N, C-alpha and C. Protein backbone atom coordinates (compact mmCIF):
# COMPACT_ATOMS: atom_id res chain seq x y z
N UNK A 1 -177.62 96.97 -4.56
CA UNK A 1 -177.93 97.96 -5.61
C UNK A 1 -176.78 98.93 -5.71
N UNK A 2 -176.59 99.34 -6.91
CA UNK A 2 -175.53 100.27 -7.23
C UNK A 2 -175.99 101.73 -7.13
N UNK A 3 -175.14 102.61 -6.76
CA UNK A 3 -173.69 102.51 -6.58
C UNK A 3 -173.26 102.14 -5.14
N UNK A 4 -174.23 102.02 -4.22
CA UNK A 4 -173.87 101.77 -2.83
C UNK A 4 -173.07 100.50 -2.66
N UNK A 5 -173.46 99.46 -3.34
CA UNK A 5 -172.74 98.16 -3.19
C UNK A 5 -171.26 98.29 -3.51
N UNK A 6 -170.93 98.97 -4.57
CA UNK A 6 -169.53 99.12 -4.97
C UNK A 6 -168.77 100.02 -4.02
N UNK A 7 -169.36 101.11 -3.60
CA UNK A 7 -168.70 102.02 -2.65
C UNK A 7 -168.44 101.32 -1.33
N UNK A 8 -169.40 100.60 -0.82
CA UNK A 8 -169.27 99.87 0.44
C UNK A 8 -168.19 98.79 0.32
N UNK A 9 -168.21 98.09 -0.77
CA UNK A 9 -167.19 97.04 -0.98
C UNK A 9 -165.77 97.63 -1.02
N UNK A 10 -165.59 98.70 -1.73
CA UNK A 10 -164.26 99.34 -1.83
C UNK A 10 -163.74 99.78 -0.47
N UNK A 11 -164.65 100.22 0.38
CA UNK A 11 -164.23 100.74 1.70
C UNK A 11 -164.03 99.63 2.71
N UNK A 12 -164.43 98.39 2.38
CA UNK A 12 -164.16 97.31 3.32
C UNK A 12 -165.38 96.62 3.90
N UNK A 13 -166.57 97.02 3.50
CA UNK A 13 -167.77 96.35 3.99
C UNK A 13 -168.65 97.22 4.85
N UNK A 14 -169.81 96.65 5.16
CA UNK A 14 -170.85 97.40 5.89
C UNK A 14 -170.42 97.83 7.29
N UNK A 15 -169.71 96.96 8.01
CA UNK A 15 -169.28 97.29 9.38
C UNK A 15 -168.38 98.55 9.39
N UNK A 16 -167.41 98.55 8.51
CA UNK A 16 -166.47 99.68 8.43
C UNK A 16 -167.20 100.95 8.03
N UNK A 17 -168.06 100.83 7.04
CA UNK A 17 -168.79 102.02 6.57
C UNK A 17 -169.70 102.57 7.68
N UNK A 18 -170.33 101.71 8.45
CA UNK A 18 -171.17 102.20 9.54
C UNK A 18 -170.30 102.89 10.59
N UNK A 19 -169.11 102.41 10.84
CA UNK A 19 -168.20 103.06 11.79
C UNK A 19 -167.70 104.44 11.25
N UNK A 20 -167.39 104.48 10.00
CA UNK A 20 -166.93 105.73 9.37
C UNK A 20 -168.00 106.80 9.47
N UNK A 21 -169.24 106.42 9.15
CA UNK A 21 -170.34 107.37 9.09
C UNK A 21 -171.00 107.63 10.41
N UNK A 22 -170.74 106.75 11.40
CA UNK A 22 -171.41 106.92 12.73
C UNK A 22 -172.88 106.49 12.65
N UNK A 23 -173.21 105.69 11.63
CA UNK A 23 -174.61 105.24 11.52
C UNK A 23 -174.76 103.83 12.06
N UNK A 24 -176.00 103.43 12.22
CA UNK A 24 -176.29 102.08 12.71
C UNK A 24 -175.71 101.05 11.75
N UNK A 25 -175.38 99.90 12.28
CA UNK A 25 -174.81 98.80 11.48
C UNK A 25 -175.70 98.46 10.29
N UNK A 26 -176.99 98.63 10.46
CA UNK A 26 -177.96 98.27 9.39
C UNK A 26 -178.05 99.31 8.28
N UNK A 27 -177.57 100.51 8.51
CA UNK A 27 -177.71 101.56 7.51
C UNK A 27 -177.08 101.22 6.17
N UNK A 28 -175.83 100.76 6.11
CA UNK A 28 -175.27 100.40 4.80
C UNK A 28 -176.02 99.32 4.08
N UNK A 29 -176.65 98.42 4.79
CA UNK A 29 -177.48 97.38 4.17
C UNK A 29 -178.71 98.03 3.56
N UNK A 30 -179.30 98.97 4.28
CA UNK A 30 -180.50 99.67 3.78
C UNK A 30 -180.21 100.45 2.49
N UNK A 31 -179.00 101.02 2.39
CA UNK A 31 -178.65 101.78 1.17
C UNK A 31 -178.57 100.88 -0.04
N UNK A 32 -178.42 99.59 0.18
CA UNK A 32 -178.29 98.64 -0.93
C UNK A 32 -179.62 97.98 -1.30
N UNK A 33 -180.68 98.43 -0.67
CA UNK A 33 -182.03 97.85 -0.95
C UNK A 33 -182.87 98.80 -1.80
N UNK A 34 -183.75 98.20 -2.60
CA UNK A 34 -184.64 99.07 -3.40
C UNK A 34 -185.65 99.85 -2.53
N UNK A 35 -186.17 100.88 -3.08
CA UNK A 35 -187.13 101.72 -2.38
C UNK A 35 -188.32 100.86 -1.85
N UNK A 36 -188.74 99.90 -2.66
CA UNK A 36 -189.88 99.10 -2.31
C UNK A 36 -189.69 98.28 -1.01
N UNK A 37 -188.45 98.04 -0.67
CA UNK A 37 -188.09 97.26 0.51
C UNK A 37 -187.61 98.17 1.65
N UNK A 38 -187.86 99.47 1.53
CA UNK A 38 -187.48 100.41 2.59
C UNK A 38 -186.08 100.91 2.47
N UNK A 39 -185.43 100.64 1.35
CA UNK A 39 -184.04 101.10 1.12
C UNK A 39 -183.99 102.43 0.43
N UNK A 40 -182.77 102.79 0.02
CA UNK A 40 -182.55 104.08 -0.64
C UNK A 40 -182.33 103.90 -2.15
N UNK A 41 -182.56 102.70 -2.65
CA UNK A 41 -182.41 102.47 -4.09
C UNK A 41 -180.97 102.50 -4.56
N UNK A 42 -180.04 102.15 -3.67
CA UNK A 42 -178.63 102.13 -4.03
C UNK A 42 -177.89 103.43 -3.80
N UNK A 43 -178.57 104.41 -3.23
CA UNK A 43 -177.96 105.73 -3.02
C UNK A 43 -177.51 105.87 -1.58
N UNK A 44 -176.31 106.37 -1.38
CA UNK A 44 -175.76 106.71 -0.07
C UNK A 44 -176.13 108.16 0.19
N UNK A 45 -176.67 108.47 1.35
CA UNK A 45 -177.03 109.88 1.61
C UNK A 45 -175.89 110.86 1.36
N UNK A 46 -176.19 111.92 0.64
CA UNK A 46 -175.18 112.87 0.20
C UNK A 46 -174.38 113.46 1.39
N UNK A 47 -175.01 113.66 2.49
CA UNK A 47 -174.32 114.24 3.67
C UNK A 47 -173.17 113.39 4.17
N UNK A 48 -173.13 112.11 3.72
CA UNK A 48 -172.06 111.20 4.16
C UNK A 48 -170.94 111.04 3.18
N UNK A 49 -171.10 111.58 1.98
CA UNK A 49 -170.09 111.40 0.95
C UNK A 49 -168.70 111.91 1.35
N UNK A 50 -168.65 113.09 1.93
CA UNK A 50 -167.35 113.69 2.31
C UNK A 50 -166.63 112.78 3.32
N UNK A 51 -167.35 112.28 4.32
CA UNK A 51 -166.74 111.39 5.32
C UNK A 51 -166.15 110.16 4.64
N UNK A 52 -166.88 109.58 3.75
CA UNK A 52 -166.43 108.39 3.08
C UNK A 52 -165.25 108.66 2.12
N UNK A 53 -165.32 109.79 1.42
CA UNK A 53 -164.21 110.18 0.57
C UNK A 53 -162.94 110.51 1.38
N UNK A 54 -163.09 111.17 2.48
CA UNK A 54 -161.93 111.44 3.36
C UNK A 54 -161.28 110.18 3.86
N UNK A 55 -162.12 109.21 4.28
CA UNK A 55 -161.60 107.93 4.74
C UNK A 55 -160.84 107.22 3.60
N UNK A 56 -161.43 107.19 2.44
CA UNK A 56 -160.79 106.55 1.30
C UNK A 56 -159.46 107.19 1.00
N UNK A 57 -159.41 108.52 0.98
CA UNK A 57 -158.16 109.24 0.68
C UNK A 57 -157.10 108.89 1.77
N UNK A 58 -157.50 108.92 3.01
CA UNK A 58 -156.56 108.63 4.10
C UNK A 58 -156.01 107.19 4.08
N UNK A 59 -156.79 106.31 3.46
CA UNK A 59 -156.40 104.88 3.44
C UNK A 59 -155.98 104.41 2.04
N UNK A 60 -155.70 105.38 1.16
CA UNK A 60 -155.28 105.08 -0.20
C UNK A 60 -156.23 104.14 -0.96
N UNK A 61 -157.53 104.40 -0.79
CA UNK A 61 -158.56 103.61 -1.49
C UNK A 61 -159.06 104.47 -2.62
N UNK A 62 -159.09 103.89 -3.80
CA UNK A 62 -159.56 104.63 -4.96
C UNK A 62 -161.06 104.82 -4.91
N UNK A 63 -161.46 106.09 -4.71
CA UNK A 63 -162.88 106.46 -4.64
C UNK A 63 -163.01 107.89 -5.05
N UNK A 64 -164.00 108.20 -5.89
CA UNK A 64 -164.15 109.58 -6.31
C UNK A 64 -165.64 109.98 -6.15
N UNK A 65 -165.93 111.26 -6.16
CA UNK A 65 -167.31 111.71 -6.06
C UNK A 65 -168.23 111.06 -7.11
N UNK A 66 -167.69 110.83 -8.28
CA UNK A 66 -168.49 110.22 -9.37
C UNK A 66 -168.98 108.82 -8.98
N UNK A 67 -168.25 108.12 -8.09
CA UNK A 67 -168.59 106.77 -7.69
C UNK A 67 -169.92 106.74 -6.91
N UNK A 68 -170.37 107.86 -6.44
CA UNK A 68 -171.61 107.92 -5.63
C UNK A 68 -172.85 108.18 -6.54
N UNK A 69 -172.62 108.45 -7.81
CA UNK A 69 -173.72 108.77 -8.72
C UNK A 69 -174.30 107.51 -9.33
N UNK A 70 -175.62 107.45 -9.45
CA UNK A 70 -176.24 106.27 -10.06
C UNK A 70 -175.87 106.23 -11.56
N UNK A 71 -175.66 105.03 -12.06
CA UNK A 71 -175.36 104.84 -13.49
C UNK A 71 -176.62 104.29 -14.15
N UNK A 72 -177.06 105.02 -15.14
CA UNK A 72 -178.22 104.60 -15.89
C UNK A 72 -177.77 104.23 -17.27
N UNK A 73 -178.17 103.08 -17.78
CA UNK A 73 -177.77 102.72 -19.12
C UNK A 73 -178.30 103.72 -20.13
N UNK A 74 -177.50 104.02 -21.10
CA UNK A 74 -177.88 104.96 -22.14
C UNK A 74 -178.83 104.26 -23.12
N UNK A 75 -179.98 104.88 -23.40
CA UNK A 75 -180.89 104.25 -24.35
C UNK A 75 -180.28 104.27 -25.74
N UNK A 76 -180.45 103.17 -26.44
CA UNK A 76 -179.92 103.13 -27.82
C UNK A 76 -180.83 103.90 -28.72
N UNK A 77 -180.24 104.55 -29.67
CA UNK A 77 -181.03 105.35 -30.61
C UNK A 77 -181.72 104.41 -31.61
N UNK A 78 -182.94 104.71 -31.94
CA UNK A 78 -183.64 103.85 -32.95
C UNK A 78 -182.90 103.96 -34.26
N UNK A 79 -182.93 102.86 -34.97
CA UNK A 79 -182.21 102.78 -36.26
C UNK A 79 -182.68 103.84 -37.21
N UNK A 80 -183.95 104.17 -37.22
CA UNK A 80 -184.50 105.15 -38.16
C UNK A 80 -183.89 106.53 -37.91
N UNK A 81 -183.58 106.87 -36.70
CA UNK A 81 -183.02 108.20 -36.42
C UNK A 81 -181.56 108.31 -36.83
N UNK A 82 -180.93 107.15 -37.02
CA UNK A 82 -179.50 107.18 -37.44
C UNK A 82 -179.36 107.35 -38.97
N UNK A 83 -180.38 106.96 -39.68
CA UNK A 83 -180.35 107.07 -41.15
C UNK A 83 -180.58 108.50 -41.55
N UNK A 84 -179.89 108.88 -42.63
CA UNK A 84 -180.14 110.26 -43.09
C UNK A 84 -181.37 110.26 -43.97
N UNK A 85 -182.17 111.28 -43.81
CA UNK A 85 -183.38 111.38 -44.62
C UNK A 85 -183.14 112.29 -45.82
N UNK A 86 -183.72 111.95 -46.90
CA UNK A 86 -183.58 112.78 -48.10
C UNK A 86 -184.74 113.74 -48.16
N UNK A 87 -184.48 114.97 -48.65
CA UNK A 87 -185.55 115.97 -48.72
C UNK A 87 -186.63 115.62 -49.69
């Protein structure tokens, strides 16, 4: 699940991320699971963002704070609201 999957992949995988954060090897896998399966719904705990960003910066890996935010598709506007109404 996103954004965890992308962040973990950019940093080199679950094993490296668990070492960077000092968390159990299973933690990065849990971040990629939906809430219903005991995961975090694709969210990496905020308290770990700085550690991961520092590691990325030190290793010239492109990663920004925005990469940790969930991306929700924008709802399309109904066609009726796009048309101009006459008085």
